[in-house]
Amino acid sequence: MNAPKTPALKDLVSCVVDEFAELSGEPIDRVTGVRRTDDGWSVLVDVVDVERVPPTTSVLSTYRLDADEQGHLGGYERLRRFTRASTDGH
């Protein structure tokens, strides 16, 4: 019996992000990282928590999305919150 084929990375990420956005209702700003794990994939996304004017003061969060080999969302957690104008470590 053949094992299911792993989707192309861009298709896998798209599937995970779409499932997260539908489940959480969070507006995705960008994908900031993807890596293979022992159990599948880990995808980092930034979402807009609070839209402000000017946009540099908007509040965003980084979420880690855990997915299986086929790109199905298995879980997620918020890692940090920050303003758009902030840089890492500040």
PDB file of N, CA and C in Angstrom:
ATOM      1  N   MET A   1       0.839  -1.174   0.000  1.00  0.00           N
ATOM      2  CA  MET A   1       0.000   0.000   0.000  1.00  0.00           C
ATOM      3  C   MET A   1       0.888   1.242   0.000  1.00  0.00           C
ATOM      4  N   ASN A   2       0.563   2.218  -0.822  1.00  0.00           N
ATOM      5  CA  ASN A   2       1.347   3.449  -0.927  1.00  0.00           C
ATOM      6  C   ASN A   2       0.953   4.434   0.165  1.00  0.00           C
ATOM      7  N   ALA A   3       1.967   5.098   0.737  1.00  0.00           N
ATOM      8  CA  ALA A   3       1.711   6.153   1.721  1.00  0.00           C
ATOM      9  C   ALA A   3       1.191   7.385   0.993  1.00  0.00           C
ATOM     10  N   PRO A   4       0.339   8.192   1.662  1.00  0.00           N
ATOM     11  CA  PRO A   4      -0.154   9.417   1.026  1.00  0.00           C
ATOM     12  C   PRO A   4       1.011  10.336   0.670  1.00  0.00           C
ATOM     13  N   LYS A   5       0.916  10.957  -0.483  1.00  0.00           N
ATOM     14  CA  LYS A   5       1.964  11.874  -0.933  1.00  0.00           C
ATOM     15  C   LYS A   5       1.897  13.169  -0.131  1.00  0.00           C
ATOM     16  N   THR A   6       3.070  13.648   0.300  1.00  0.00           N
ATOM     17  CA  THR A   6       3.144  14.921   1.009  1.00  0.00           C
ATOM     18  C   THR A   6       2.933  16.052   0.010  1.00  0.00           C
ATOM     19  N   PRO A   7       2.036  16.998   0.329  1.00  0.00           N
ATOM     20  CA  PRO A   7       1.799  18.114  -0.594  1.00  0.00           C
ATOM     21  C   PRO A   7       3.020  19.021  -0.718  1.00  0.00           C
ATOM     22  N   ALA A   8       3.065  19.785  -1.809  1.00  0.00           N
ATOM     23  CA  ALA A   8       4.118  20.787  -1.984  1.00  0.00           C
ATOM     24  C   ALA A   8       4.059  21.758  -0.807  1.00  0.00           C
ATOM     25  N   LEU A   9       5.206  22.294  -0.427  1.00  0.00           N
ATOM     26  CA  LEU A   9       5.286  23.167   0.750  1.00  0.00           C
ATOM     27  C   LEU A   9       4.308  24.335   0.660  1.00  0.00           C
ATOM     28  N   LYS A  10       4.219  24.993  -0.469  1.00  0.00           N
ATOM     29  CA  LYS A  10       3.312  26.146  -0.586  1.00  0.00           C
ATOM     30  C   LYS A  10       1.857  25.727  -0.421  1.00  0.00           C
ATOM     31  N   ASP A  11       1.500  24.534  -0.911  1.00  0.00           N
ATOM     32  CA  ASP A  11       0.131  24.041  -0.748  1.00  0.00           C
ATOM     33  C   ASP A  11      -0.134  23.652   0.703  1.00  0.00           C
ATOM     34  N   LEU A  12       0.850  23.039   1.339  1.00  0.00           N
ATOM     35  CA  LEU A  12       0.730  22.640   2.737  1.00  0.00           C
ATOM     36  C   LEU A  12       0.529  23.870   3.618  1.00  0.00           C
ATOM     37  N   VAL A  13       1.369  24.873   3.434  1.00  0.00           N
ATOM     38  CA  VAL A  13       1.275  26.105   4.238  1.00  0.00           C
ATOM     39  C   VAL A  13      -0.068  26.789   4.002  1.00  0.00           C
ATOM     40  N   SER A  14      -0.495  26.854   2.769  1.00  0.00           N
ATOM     41  CA  SER A  14      -1.773  27.475   2.436  1.00  0.00           C
ATOM     42  C   SER A  14      -2.928  26.765   3.141  1.00  0.00           C
ATOM     43  N   CYS A  15      -2.890  25.445   3.161  1.00  0.00           N
ATOM     44  CA  CYS A  15      -3.931  24.655   3.814  1.00  0.00           C
ATOM     45  C   CYS A  15      -3.956  24.919   5.321  1.00  0.00           C
ATOM     46  N   VAL A  16      -2.781  24.912   5.947  1.00  0.00           N
ATOM     47  CA  VAL A  16      -2.677  25.139   7.393  1.00  0.00           C
ATOM     48  C   VAL A  16      -3.157  26.546   7.757  1.00  0.00           C
ATOM     49  N   VAL A  17      -2.707  27.537   7.010  1.00  0.00           N
ATOM     50  CA  VAL A  17      -3.074  28.932   7.283  1.00  0.00           C
ATOM     51  C   VAL A  17      -4.574  29.152   7.088  1.00  0.00           C
ATOM     52  N   ASP A  18      -5.123  28.579   6.018  1.00  0.00           N
ATOM     53  CA  ASP A  18      -6.564  28.727   5.774  1.00  0.00           C
ATOM     54  C   ASP A  18      -7.390  28.098   6.893  1.00  0.00           C
ATOM     55  N   GLU A  19      -6.974  26.914   7.346  1.00  0.00           N
ATOM     56  CA  GLU A  19      -7.701  26.230   8.419  1.00  0.00           C
ATOM     57  C   GLU A  19      -7.629  27.038   9.720  1.00  0.00           C
ATOM     58  N   PHE A  20      -6.432  27.576  10.026  1.00  0.00           N
ATOM     59  CA  PHE A  20      -6.272  28.405  11.220  1.00  0.00           C
ATOM     60  C   PHE A  20      -7.146  29.655  11.140  1.00  0.00           C
ATOM     61  N   ALA A  21      -7.112  30.341  10.003  1.00  0.00           N
ATOM     62  CA  ALA A  21      -7.890  31.576   9.838  1.00  0.00           C
ATOM     63  C   ALA A  21      -9.385  31.305   9.999  1.00  0.00           C
ATOM     64  N   GLU A  22      -9.857  30.197   9.452  1.00  0.00           N
ATOM     65  CA  GLU A  22     -11.272  29.848   9.567  1.00  0.00           C
ATOM     66  C   GLU A  22     -11.640  29.520  11.020  1.00  0.00           C
ATOM     67  N   LEU A  23     -10.794  28.766  11.683  1.00  0.00           N
ATOM     68  CA  LEU A  23     -11.062  28.348  13.057  1.00  0.00           C
ATOM     69  C   LEU A  23     -10.957  29.508  14.042  1.00  0.00           C
ATOM     70  N   SER A  24      -9.925  30.316  13.907  1.00  0.00           N
ATOM     71  CA  SER A  24      -9.659  31.378  14.887  1.00  0.00           C
ATOM     72  C   SER A  24     -10.372  32.687  14.575  1.00  0.00           C
ATOM     73  N   GLY A  25     -10.678  32.911  13.304  1.00  0.00           N
ATOM     74  CA  GLY A  25     -11.256  34.189  12.900  1.00  0.00           C
ATOM     75  C   GLY A  25     -10.245  35.313  12.879  1.00  0.00           C
ATOM     76  N   GLU A  26      -8.956  34.972  12.999  1.00  0.00           N
ATOM     77  CA  GLU A  26      -7.886  35.967  13.028  1.00  0.00           C
ATOM     78  C   GLU A  26      -7.441  36.333  11.608  1.00  0.00           C
ATOM     79  N   PRO A  27      -7.272  37.630  11.317  1.00  0.00           N
ATOM     80  CA  PRO A  27      -6.761  38.037  10.007  1.00  0.00           C
ATOM     81  C   PRO A  27      -5.248  37.796   9.921  1.00  0.00           C
ATOM     82  N   ILE A  28      -4.815  36.988   8.981  1.00  0.00           N
ATOM     83  CA  ILE A  28      -3.401  36.651   8.810  1.00  0.00           C
ATOM     84  C   ILE A  28      -2.685  37.817   8.134  1.00  0.00           C
ATOM     85  N   ASP A  29      -1.588  38.264   8.739  1.00  0.00           N
ATOM     86  CA  ASP A  29      -0.783  39.328   8.146  1.00  0.00           C
ATOM     87  C   ASP A  29       0.299  38.745   7.248  1.00  0.00           C
ATOM     88  N   ARG A  30       1.005  37.708   7.749  1.00  0.00           N
ATOM     89  CA  ARG A  30       2.051  37.073   6.932  1.00  0.00           C
ATOM     90  C   ARG A  30       2.506  35.776   7.582  1.00  0.00           C
ATOM     91  N   VAL A  31       3.097  34.909   6.767  1.00  0.00           N
ATOM     92  CA  VAL A  31       3.774  33.705   7.239  1.00  0.00           C
ATOM     93  C   VAL A  31       5.222  34.098   7.487  1.00  0.00           C
ATOM     94  N   THR A  32       5.735  33.796   8.692  1.00  0.00           N
ATOM     95  CA  THR A  32       7.093  34.216   9.032  1.00  0.00           C
ATOM     96  C   THR A  32       8.068  33.059   9.186  1.00  0.00           C
ATOM     97  N   GLY A  33       7.570  31.822   9.125  1.00  0.00           N
ATOM     98  CA  GLY A  33       8.486  30.686   9.229  1.00  0.00           C
ATOM     99  C   GLY A  33       7.781  29.371   8.999  1.00  0.00           C
ATOM    100  N   VAL A  34       8.538  28.404   8.486  1.00  0.00           N
ATOM    101  CA  VAL A  34       8.045  27.042   8.271  1.00  0.00           C
ATOM    102  C   VAL A  34       9.208  26.102   8.518  1.00  0.00           C
ATOM    103  N   ARG A  35       8.947  25.033   9.276  1.00  0.00           N
ATOM    104  CA  ARG A  35       9.990  24.029   9.445  1.00  0.00           C
ATOM    105  C   ARG A  35       9.361  22.666   9.674  1.00  0.00           C
ATOM    106  N   ARG A  36      10.087  21.647   9.271  1.00  0.00           N
ATOM    107  CA  ARG A  36       9.652  20.266   9.486  1.00  0.00           C
ATOM    108  C   ARG A  36       9.927  19.903  10.942  1.00  0.00           C
ATOM    109  N   THR A  37       9.032  19.146  11.535  1.00  0.00           N
ATOM    110  CA  THR A  37       9.203  18.636  12.895  1.00  0.00           C
ATOM    111  C   THR A  37       9.171  17.109  12.843  1.00  0.00           C
ATOM    112  N   ASP A  38       9.362  16.474  13.993  1.00  0.00           N
ATOM    113  CA  ASP A  38       9.304  15.013  14.051  1.00  0.00           C
ATOM    114  C   ASP A  38       7.927  14.484  13.666  1.00  0.00           C
ATOM    115  N   ASP A  39       6.873  15.276  13.967  1.00  0.00           N
ATOM    116  CA  ASP A  39       5.501  14.824  13.730  1.00  0.00           C
ATOM    117  C   ASP A  39       4.822  15.468  12.527  1.00  0.00           C
ATOM    118  N   GLY A  40       5.510  16.363  11.835  1.00  0.00           N
ATOM    119  CA  GLY A  40       4.872  17.046  10.706  1.00  0.00           C
ATOM    120  C   GLY A  40       5.540  18.367  10.404  1.00  0.00           C
ATOM    121  N   TRP A  41       4.793  19.453  10.630  1.00  0.00           N
ATOM    122  CA  TRP A  41       5.265  20.791  10.277  1.00  0.00           C
ATOM    123  C   TRP A  41       4.906  21.799  11.354  1.00  0.00           C
ATOM    124  N   SER A  42       5.734  22.833  11.477  1.00  0.00           N
ATOM    125  CA  SER A  42       5.473  23.967  12.342  1.00  0.00           C
ATOM    126  C   SER A  42       5.493  25.213  11.464  1.00  0.00           C
ATOM    127  N   VAL A  43       4.423  25.985  11.518  1.00  0.00           N
ATOM    128  CA  VAL A  43       4.288  27.187  10.698  1.00  0.00           C
ATOM    129  C   VAL A  43       4.086  28.373  11.633  1.00  0.00           C
ATOM    130  N   LEU A  44       4.865  29.434  11.448  1.00  0.00           N
ATOM    131  CA  LEU A  44       4.699  30.662  12.224  1.00  0.00           C
ATOM    132  C   LEU A  44       3.962  31.693  11.379  1.00  0.00           C
ATOM    133  N   VAL A  45       2.931  32.299  11.974  1.00  0.00           N
ATOM    134  CA  VAL A  45       2.186  33.352  11.280  1.00  0.00           C
ATOM    135  C   VAL A  45       2.019  34.540  12.210  1.00  0.00           C
ATOM    136  N   ASP A  46       1.961  35.722  11.634  1.00  0.00           N
ATOM    137  CA  ASP A  46       1.619  36.933  12.367  1.00  0.00           C
ATOM    138  C   ASP A  46       0.183  37.295  12.008  1.00  0.00           C
ATOM    139  N   VAL A  47      -0.603  37.633  13.022  1.00  0.00           N
ATOM    140  CA  VAL A  47      -1.985  38.046  12.816  1.00  0.00           C
ATOM    141  C   VAL A  47      -2.186  39.417  13.437  1.00  0.00           C
ATOM    142  N   VAL A  48      -3.127  40.163  12.899  1.00  0.00           N
ATOM    143  CA  VAL A  48      -3.448  41.490  13.410  1.00  0.00           C
ATOM    144  C   VAL A  48      -4.476  41.336  14.528  1.00  0.00           C
ATOM    145  N   ASP A  49      -4.088  41.713  15.750  1.00  0.00           N
ATOM    146  CA  ASP A  49      -5.010  41.669  16.889  1.00  0.00           C
ATOM    147  C   ASP A  49      -5.821  42.950  16.978  1.00  0.00           C
ATOM    148  N   VAL A  50      -5.127  44.088  16.856  1.00  0.00           N
ATOM    149  CA  VAL A  50      -5.772  45.397  16.962  1.00  0.00           C
ATOM    150  C   VAL A  50      -5.238  46.277  15.838  1.00  0.00           C
ATOM    151  N   GLU A  51      -6.117  46.659  14.929  1.00  0.00           N
ATOM    152  CA  GLU A  51      -5.748  47.553  13.825  1.00  0.00           C
ATOM    153  C   GLU A  51      -5.819  48.985  14.337  1.00  0.00           C
ATOM    154  N   ARG A  52      -4.729  49.737  14.161  1.00  0.00           N
ATOM    155  CA  ARG A  52      -4.679  51.119  14.642  1.00  0.00           C
ATOM    156  C   ARG A  52      -4.184  52.054  13.545  1.00  0.00           C
ATOM    157  N   VAL A  53      -4.400  53.341  13.776  1.00  0.00           N
ATOM    158  CA  VAL A  53      -3.890  54.379  12.894  1.00  0.00           C
ATOM    159  C   VAL A  53      -2.950  55.231  13.719  1.00  0.00           C
ATOM    160  N   PRO A  54      -1.708  55.389  13.293  1.00  0.00           N
ATOM    161  CA  PRO A  54      -1.118  54.846  12.076  1.00  0.00           C
ATOM    162  C   PRO A  54      -0.862  53.335  12.210  1.00  0.00           C
ATOM    163  N   PRO A  55      -0.735  52.633  11.069  1.00  0.00           N
ATOM    164  CA  PRO A  55      -0.563  51.178  11.078  1.00  0.00           C
ATOM    165  C   PRO A  55       0.649  50.701  11.880  1.00  0.00           C
ATOM    166  N   THR A  56       1.663  51.552  12.043  1.00  0.00           N
ATOM    167  CA  THR A  56       2.854  51.133  12.799  1.00  0.00           C
ATOM    168  C   THR A  56       2.537  50.885  14.271  1.00  0.00           C
ATOM    169  N   THR A  57       1.382  51.355  14.742  1.00  0.00           N
ATOM    170  CA  THR A  57       0.993  51.134  16.139  1.00  0.00           C
ATOM    171  C   THR A  57       0.026  49.957  16.298  1.00  0.00           C
ATOM    172  N   SER A  58      -0.329  49.292  15.189  1.00  0.00           N
ATOM    173  CA  SER A  58      -1.205  48.119  15.260  1.00  0.00           C
ATOM    174  C   SER A  58      -0.556  47.031  16.108  1.00  0.00           C
ATOM    175  N   VAL A  59      -1.379  46.260  16.817  1.00  0.00           N
ATOM    176  CA  VAL A  59      -0.898  45.169  17.661  1.00  0.00           C
ATOM    177  C   VAL A  59      -1.051  43.858  16.900  1.00  0.00           C
ATOM    178  N   LEU A  60       0.051  43.102  16.824  1.00  0.00           N
ATOM    179  CA  LEU A  60       0.055  41.815  16.151  1.00  0.00           C
ATOM    180  C   LEU A  60       0.461  40.718  17.124  1.00  0.00           C
ATOM    181  N   SER A  61       0.175  39.485  16.760  1.00  0.00           N
ATOM    182  CA  SER A  61       0.612  38.324  17.521  1.00  0.00           C
ATOM    183  C   SER A  61       1.246  37.325  16.578  1.00  0.00           C
ATOM    184  N   THR A  62       2.241  36.602  17.087  1.00  0.00           N
ATOM    185  CA  THR A  62       2.831  35.490  16.354  1.00  0.00           C
ATOM    186  C   THR A  62       2.252  34.204  16.921  1.00  0.00           C
ATOM    187  N   TYR A  63       1.734  33.364  16.036  1.00  0.00           N
ATOM    188  CA  TYR A  63       1.199  32.058  16.418  1.00  0.00           C
ATOM    189  C   TYR A  63       2.049  30.957  15.790  1.00  0.00           C
ATOM    190  N   ARG A  64       2.224  29.876  16.539  1.00  0.00           N
ATOM    191  CA  ARG A  64       2.822  28.656  15.984  1.00  0.00           C
ATOM    192  C   ARG A  64       1.683  27.701  15.677  1.00  0.00           C
ATOM    193  N   LEU A  65       1.631  27.265  14.418  1.00  0.00           N
ATOM    194  CA  LEU A  65       0.622  26.318  13.972  1.00  0.00           C
ATOM    195  C   LEU A  65       1.299  24.961  13.784  1.00  0.00           C
ATOM    196  N   ASP A  66       0.770  23.930  14.416  1.00  0.00           N
ATOM    197  CA  ASP A  66       1.317  22.586  14.274  1.00  0.00           C
ATOM    198  C   ASP A  66       0.436  21.803  13.318  1.00  0.00           C
ATOM    199  N   ALA A  67       1.074  21.173  12.325  1.00  0.00           N
ATOM    200  CA  ALA A  67       0.332  20.435  11.308  1.00  0.00           C
ATOM    201  C   ALA A  67       0.941  19.056  11.108  1.00  0.00           C
ATOM    202  N   ASP A  68       0.122  18.131  10.612  1.00  0.00           N
ATOM    203  CA  ASP A  68       0.630  16.795  10.295  1.00  0.00           C
ATOM    204  C   ASP A  68       1.299  16.819   8.922  1.00  0.00           C
ATOM    205  N   GLU A  69       1.762  15.682   8.480  1.00  0.00           N
ATOM    206  CA  GLU A  69       2.477  15.578   7.196  1.00  0.00           C
ATOM    207  C   GLU A  69       1.627  16.011   6.004  1.00  0.00           C
ATOM    208  N   GLN A  70       0.313  15.892   6.132  1.00  0.00           N
ATOM    209  CA  GLN A  70      -0.586  16.239   5.030  1.00  0.00           C
ATOM    210  C   GLN A  70      -1.047  17.697   5.062  1.00  0.00           C
ATOM    211  N   GLY A  71      -0.659  18.424   6.118  1.00  0.00           N
ATOM    212  CA  GLY A  71      -1.015  19.832   6.202  1.00  0.00           C
ATOM    213  C   GLY A  71      -2.302  20.101   6.955  1.00  0.00           C
ATOM    214  N   HIS A  72      -2.757  19.138   7.751  1.00  0.00           N
ATOM    215  CA  HIS A  72      -3.962  19.346   8.556  1.00  0.00           C
ATOM    216  C   HIS A  72      -3.563  19.917   9.917  1.00  0.00           C
ATOM    217  N   LEU A  73      -4.213  20.997  10.293  1.00  0.00           N
ATOM    218  CA  LEU A  73      -3.916  21.679  11.546  1.00  0.00           C
ATOM    219  C   LEU A  73      -4.193  20.760  12.729  1.00  0.00           C
ATOM    220  N   GLY A  74      -3.206  20.615  13.604  1.00  0.00           N
ATOM    221  CA  GLY A  74      -3.359  19.786  14.792  1.00  0.00           C
ATOM    222  C   GLY A  74      -3.477  20.605  16.059  1.00  0.00           C
ATOM    223  N   GLY A  75      -2.982  21.840  16.012  1.00  0.00           N
ATOM    224  CA  GLY A  75      -3.057  22.720  17.170  1.00  0.00           C
ATOM    225  C   GLY A  75      -2.306  24.009  16.894  1.00  0.00           C
ATOM    226  N   TYR A  76      -2.518  24.976  17.782  1.00  0.00           N
ATOM    227  CA  TYR A  76      -1.808  26.245  17.649  1.00  0.00           C
ATOM    228  C   TYR A  76      -1.712  26.919  18.998  1.00  0.00           C
ATOM    229  N   GLU A  77      -0.741  27.844  19.105  1.00  0.00           N
ATOM    230  CA  GLU A  77      -0.617  28.644  20.316  1.00  0.00           C
ATOM    231  C   GLU A  77       0.003  29.992  19.982  1.00  0.00           C
ATOM    232  N   ARG A  78      -0.402  30.997  20.749  1.00  0.00           N
ATOM    233  CA  ARG A  78       0.179  32.329  20.574  1.00  0.00           C
ATOM    234  C   ARG A  78       1.513  32.365  21.303  1.00  0.00           C
ATOM    235  N   LEU A  79       2.550  32.836  20.610  1.00  0.00           N
ATOM    236  CA  LEU A  79       3.887  32.904  21.174  1.00  0.00           C
ATOM    237  C   LEU A  79       4.223  34.279  21.728  1.00  0.00           C
ATOM    238  N   ARG A  80       3.751  35.343  21.064  1.00  0.00           N
ATOM    239  CA  ARG A  80       4.081  36.694  21.527  1.00  0.00           C
ATOM    240  C   ARG A  80       3.136  37.708  20.910  1.00  0.00           C
ATOM    241  N   ARG A  81       3.075  38.895  21.542  1.00  0.00           N
ATOM    242  CA  ARG A  81       2.337  40.053  21.013  1.00  0.00           C
ATOM    243  C   ARG A  81       3.314  41.204  20.875  1.00  0.00           C
ATOM    244  N   PHE A  82       3.086  42.044  19.881  1.00  0.00           N
ATOM    245  CA  PHE A  82       3.992  43.159  19.621  1.00  0.00           C
ATOM    246  C   PHE A  82       3.298  44.196  18.755  1.00  0.00           C
ATOM    247  N   THR A  83       3.860  45.413  18.726  1.00  0.00           N
ATOM    248  CA  THR A  83       3.364  46.421  17.792  1.00  0.00           C
ATOM    249  C   THR A  83       4.121  46.295  16.488  1.00  0.00           C
ATOM    250  N   ARG A  84       3.473  46.665  15.417  1.00  0.00           N
ATOM    251  CA  ARG A  84       4.068  46.530  14.085  1.00  0.00           C
ATOM    252  C   ARG A  84       5.415  47.231  13.984  1.00  0.00           C
ATOM    253  N   ALA A  85       5.577  48.339  14.682  1.00  0.00           N
ATOM    254  CA  ALA A  85       6.824  49.106  14.592  1.00  0.00           C
ATOM    255  C   ALA A  85       7.957  48.516  15.423  1.00  0.00           C
ATOM    256  N   SER A  86       7.649  47.547  16.292  1.00  0.00           N
ATOM    257  CA  SER A  86       8.717  47.004  17.153  1.00  0.00           C
ATOM    258  C   SER A  86       9.610  46.049  16.381  1.00  0.00           C
ATOM    259  N   THR A  87      10.806  45.890  16.888  1.00  0.00           N
ATOM    260  CA  THR A  87      11.747  44.929  16.325  1.00  0.00           C
ATOM    261  C   THR A  87      12.033  43.875  17.366  1.00  0.00           C
ATOM    262  N   ASP A  88      12.536  42.719  16.953  1.00  0.00           N
ATOM    263  CA  ASP A  88      12.845  41.649  17.913  1.00  0.00           C
ATOM    264  C   ASP A  88      13.770  42.164  18.998  1.00  0.00           C
ATOM    265  N   GLY A  89      13.425  41.814  20.235  1.00  0.00           N
ATOM    266  CA  GLY A  89      14.254  42.201  21.362  1.00  0.00           C
ATOM    267  C   GLY A  89      13.951  43.581  21.926  1.00  0.00           C
ATOM    268  N   HIS A  90      13.002  44.313  21.326  1.00  0.00           N
ATOM    269  CA  HIS A  90      12.686  45.662  21.813  1.00  0.00           C
ATOM    270  C   HIS A  90      11.220  45.789  22.155  1.00  0.00           C
TER     271      HIS A  90
END
